[in-house]
Amino acid sequence: MPHVVIDFSEGLETAFDMSQLCETVFETLILDVEINAPALKVRVRPQPYFKIGTEPATFAHATLYLLEGRDDETKARLSDIVLKAMDRVLPTVGSLSVDVRDMNKLAYAKRVKG
């Protein structure tokens, strides 16, 4: 934990390096004291069907999932970090956005080998 899931308009992967997007978001987030690098996971998913009102009609939306307990200021700071990292890699995309979601500590489960 945390997880960053970035949905993007299908086709952007031909113009932008999505591996670089994952790397940039990851490397930028781990600089923050709130983020534990071994627990961070970043992934991207193309969305083939969408309709948005911006021109250019392209988007990338990140959802940052955090275990509950962080204050609003921390969430806002982390959201801004992700948005700026996305903007560095996707500067001409029509719409970039970030949402932060709390995950229930008691309900979250994981297993890590090693």
C-alpha atoms as a PDB file:
ATOM      1  CA  MET A   1       0.000   0.000   0.000  1.00  0.00           C
ATOM      2  CA  PRO A   2      -0.426   2.649  -1.451  1.00  0.00           C
ATOM      3  CA  HIS A   3      -1.673   1.946  -4.955  1.00  0.00           C
ATOM      4  CA  VAL A   4      -1.870   4.364  -7.881  1.00  0.00           C
ATOM      5  CA  VAL A   5      -4.133   3.308 -10.734  1.00  0.00           C
ATOM      6  CA  ILE A   6      -4.040   5.549 -13.797  1.00  0.00           C
ATOM      7  CA  ASP A   7      -6.780   5.178 -16.386  1.00  0.00           C
ATOM      8  CA  PHE A   8      -6.085   6.855 -19.724  1.00  0.00           C
ATOM      9  CA  SER A   9      -7.769   7.298 -23.069  1.00  0.00           C
ATOM     10  CA  GLU A  10      -6.755   4.444 -25.313  1.00  0.00           C
ATOM     11  CA  GLY A  11      -4.300   5.558 -27.966  1.00  0.00           C
ATOM     12  CA  LEU A  12      -2.166   7.680 -25.653  1.00  0.00           C
ATOM     13  CA  GLU A  13       0.207   4.726 -25.317  1.00  0.00           C
ATOM     14  CA  THR A  14       1.250   5.291 -28.946  1.00  0.00           C
ATOM     15  CA  ALA A  15       2.266   8.895 -28.229  1.00  0.00           C
ATOM     16  CA  PHE A  16       3.564   8.584 -24.659  1.00  0.00           C
ATOM     17  CA  ASP A  17       5.725   6.103 -22.778  1.00  0.00           C
ATOM     18  CA  MET A  18       3.406   4.591 -20.174  1.00  0.00           C
ATOM     19  CA  SER A  19       6.294   2.754 -18.505  1.00  0.00           C
ATOM     20  CA  GLN A  20       7.909   6.158 -18.012  1.00  0.00           C
ATOM     21  CA  LEU A  21       4.652   7.440 -16.536  1.00  0.00           C
ATOM     22  CA  CYS A  22       4.702   4.609 -13.973  1.00  0.00           C
ATOM     23  CA  GLU A  23       8.372   5.262 -13.213  1.00  0.00           C
ATOM     24  CA  THR A  24       7.919   9.035 -12.849  1.00  0.00           C
ATOM     25  CA  VAL A  25       4.903   8.746 -10.550  1.00  0.00           C
ATOM     26  CA  PHE A  26       6.654   6.070  -8.469  1.00  0.00           C
ATOM     27  CA  GLU A  27       9.974   7.924  -8.140  1.00  0.00           C
ATOM     28  CA  THR A  28       8.253  11.211  -7.327  1.00  0.00           C
ATOM     29  CA  LEU A  29       5.937   9.749  -4.690  1.00  0.00           C
ATOM     30  CA  ILE A  30       8.655   7.879  -2.801  1.00  0.00           C
ATOM     31  CA  LEU A  31      10.349  11.202  -2.063  1.00  0.00           C
ATOM     32  CA  ASP A  32       7.468  11.987   0.299  1.00  0.00           C
ATOM     33  CA  VAL A  33       7.786  10.850   3.920  1.00  0.00           C
ATOM     34  CA  GLU A  34       4.254   9.356   3.796  1.00  0.00           C
ATOM     35  CA  ILE A  35       5.140   6.825   1.098  1.00  0.00           C
ATOM     36  CA  ASN A  36       6.929   3.542   1.777  1.00  0.00           C
ATOM     37  CA  ALA A  37       8.686   2.558  -1.478  1.00  0.00           C
ATOM     38  CA  PRO A  38       8.478  -1.241  -1.005  1.00  0.00           C
ATOM     39  CA  ALA A  39       4.708  -0.959  -0.546  1.00  0.00           C
ATOM     40  CA  LEU A  40       3.984   1.392  -3.476  1.00  0.00           C
ATOM     41  CA  LYS A  41       2.393  -0.005  -6.632  1.00  0.00           C
ATOM     42  CA  VAL A  42       1.712   2.046  -9.777  1.00  0.00           C
ATOM     43  CA  ARG A  43      -0.172   0.731 -12.790  1.00  0.00           C
ATOM     44  CA  VAL A  44      -1.897   2.129 -15.869  1.00  0.00           C
ATOM     45  CA  ARG A  45      -4.945   0.944 -17.820  1.00  0.00           C
ATOM     46  CA  PRO A  46      -6.159   2.083 -21.233  1.00  0.00           C
ATOM     47  CA  GLN A  47      -9.849   2.895 -21.514  1.00  0.00           C
ATOM     48  CA  PRO A  48     -11.154   2.135 -25.010  1.00  0.00           C
ATOM     49  CA  TYR A  49     -14.585   3.720 -24.542  1.00  0.00           C
ATOM     50  CA  PHE A  50     -14.951   7.237 -23.162  1.00  0.00           C
ATOM     51  CA  LYS A  51     -16.480  10.638 -23.833  1.00  0.00           C
ATOM     52  CA  ILE A  52     -15.097  13.848 -22.386  1.00  0.00           C
ATOM     53  CA  GLY A  53     -15.792  17.494 -23.073  1.00  0.00           C
ATOM     54  CA  THR A  54     -12.250  18.800 -23.440  1.00  0.00           C
ATOM     55  CA  GLU A  55     -10.131  19.365 -26.520  1.00  0.00           C
ATOM     56  CA  PRO A  56      -7.932  17.597 -27.105  1.00  0.00           C
ATOM     57  CA  ALA A  57     -10.319  14.783 -26.181  1.00  0.00           C
ATOM     58  CA  THR A  58      -7.740  12.822 -24.205  1.00  0.00           C
ATOM     59  CA  PHE A  59      -7.461  12.139 -20.504  1.00  0.00           C
ATOM     60  CA  ALA A  60      -5.504  10.461 -17.757  1.00  0.00           C
ATOM     61  CA  HIS A  61      -7.061  10.041 -14.325  1.00  0.00           C
ATOM     62  CA  ALA A  62      -5.145   8.708 -11.330  1.00  0.00           C
ATOM     63  CA  THR A  63      -6.742   7.205  -8.259  1.00  0.00           C
ATOM     64  CA  LEU A  64      -4.400   7.102  -5.275  1.00  0.00           C
ATOM     65  CA  TYR A  65      -5.485   4.484  -2.740  1.00  0.00           C
ATOM     66  CA  LEU A  66      -4.147   5.019   0.791  1.00  0.00           C
ATOM     67  CA  LEU A  67      -4.799   3.220   4.038  1.00  0.00           C
ATOM     68  CA  GLU A  68      -7.133   5.380   6.091  1.00  0.00           C
ATOM     69  CA  GLY A  69      -5.771   7.779   8.674  1.00  0.00           C
ATOM     70  CA  ARG A  70      -4.062  10.532   6.696  1.00  0.00           C
ATOM     71  CA  ASP A  71      -5.298  14.100   7.114  1.00  0.00           C
ATOM     72  CA  ASP A  72      -6.728  16.224   4.295  1.00  0.00           C
ATOM     73  CA  GLU A  73      -3.544  18.281   3.936  1.00  0.00           C
ATOM     74  CA  THR A  74      -1.475  15.135   3.381  1.00  0.00           C
ATOM     75  CA  LYS A  75      -3.957  13.817   0.841  1.00  0.00           C
ATOM     76  CA  ALA A  76      -3.943  17.146  -1.009  1.00  0.00           C
ATOM     77  CA  ARG A  77      -0.126  17.204  -1.058  1.00  0.00           C
ATOM     78  CA  LEU A  78       0.090  13.652  -2.412  1.00  0.00           C
ATOM     79  CA  SER A  79      -2.596  14.401  -5.007  1.00  0.00           C
ATOM     80  CA  ASP A  80      -0.616  17.426  -6.195  1.00  0.00           C
ATOM     81  CA  ILE A  81       2.574  15.337  -6.390  1.00  0.00           C
ATOM     82  CA  VAL A  82       0.854  12.769  -8.614  1.00  0.00           C
ATOM     83  CA  LEU A  83      -0.719  15.450 -10.824  1.00  0.00           C
ATOM     84  CA  LYS A  84       2.610  17.210 -11.384  1.00  0.00           C
ATOM     85  CA  ALA A  85       4.335  13.909 -12.170  1.00  0.00           C
ATOM     86  CA  MET A  86       1.634  13.048 -14.699  1.00  0.00           C
ATOM     87  CA  ASP A  87       1.923  16.488 -16.287  1.00  0.00           C
ATOM     88  CA  ARG A  88       5.675  16.027 -16.784  1.00  0.00           C
ATOM     89  CA  VAL A  89       5.107  12.859 -18.832  1.00  0.00           C
ATOM     90  CA  LEU A  90       1.761  13.764 -20.446  1.00  0.00           C
ATOM     91  CA  PRO A  91       2.043  17.527 -21.103  1.00  0.00           C
ATOM     92  CA  THR A  92      -0.338  17.678 -24.084  1.00  0.00           C
ATOM     93  CA  VAL A  93      -3.102  15.441 -22.723  1.00  0.00           C
ATOM     94  CA  GLY A  94      -6.407  17.317 -22.598  1.00  0.00           C
ATOM     95  CA  SER A  95      -7.433  16.448 -19.034  1.00  0.00           C
ATOM     96  CA  LEU A  96      -5.332  15.243 -16.111  1.00  0.00           C
ATOM     97  CA  SER A  97      -6.923  14.540 -12.735  1.00  0.00           C
ATOM     98  CA  VAL A  98      -6.241  12.792  -9.433  1.00  0.00           C
ATOM     99  CA  ASP A  99      -8.542  11.424  -6.751  1.00  0.00           C
ATOM    100  CA  VAL A 100      -7.447  10.124  -3.343  1.00  0.00           C
ATOM    101  CA  ARG A 101      -9.369   7.263  -1.728  1.00  0.00           C
ATOM    102  CA  ASP A 102      -9.135   5.851   1.770  1.00  0.00           C
ATOM    103  CA  MET A 103      -8.927   2.099   2.210  1.00  0.00           C
ATOM    104  CA  ASN A 104     -10.234   0.436   5.350  1.00  0.00           C
ATOM    105  CA  LYS A 105      -7.289  -0.862   7.403  1.00  0.00           C
ATOM    106  CA  LEU A 106      -9.264  -3.785   8.782  1.00  0.00           C
ATOM    107  CA  ALA A 107     -10.627  -4.871   5.401  1.00  0.00           C
ATOM    108  CA  TYR A 108      -7.423  -4.528   3.359  1.00  0.00           C
ATOM    109  CA  ALA A 109      -5.497  -7.778   2.959  1.00  0.00           C
ATOM    110  CA  LYS A 110      -2.318  -8.656   1.102  1.00  0.00           C
ATOM    111  CA  ARG A 111       0.379 -11.291   0.841  1.00  0.00           C
ATOM    112  CA  VAL A 112       3.979 -10.617  -0.181  1.00  0.00           C
ATOM    113  CA  LYS A 113       6.434 -13.412  -0.976  1.00  0.00           C
ATOM    114  CA  GLY A 114       9.914 -13.232   0.434  1.00  0.00           C
END
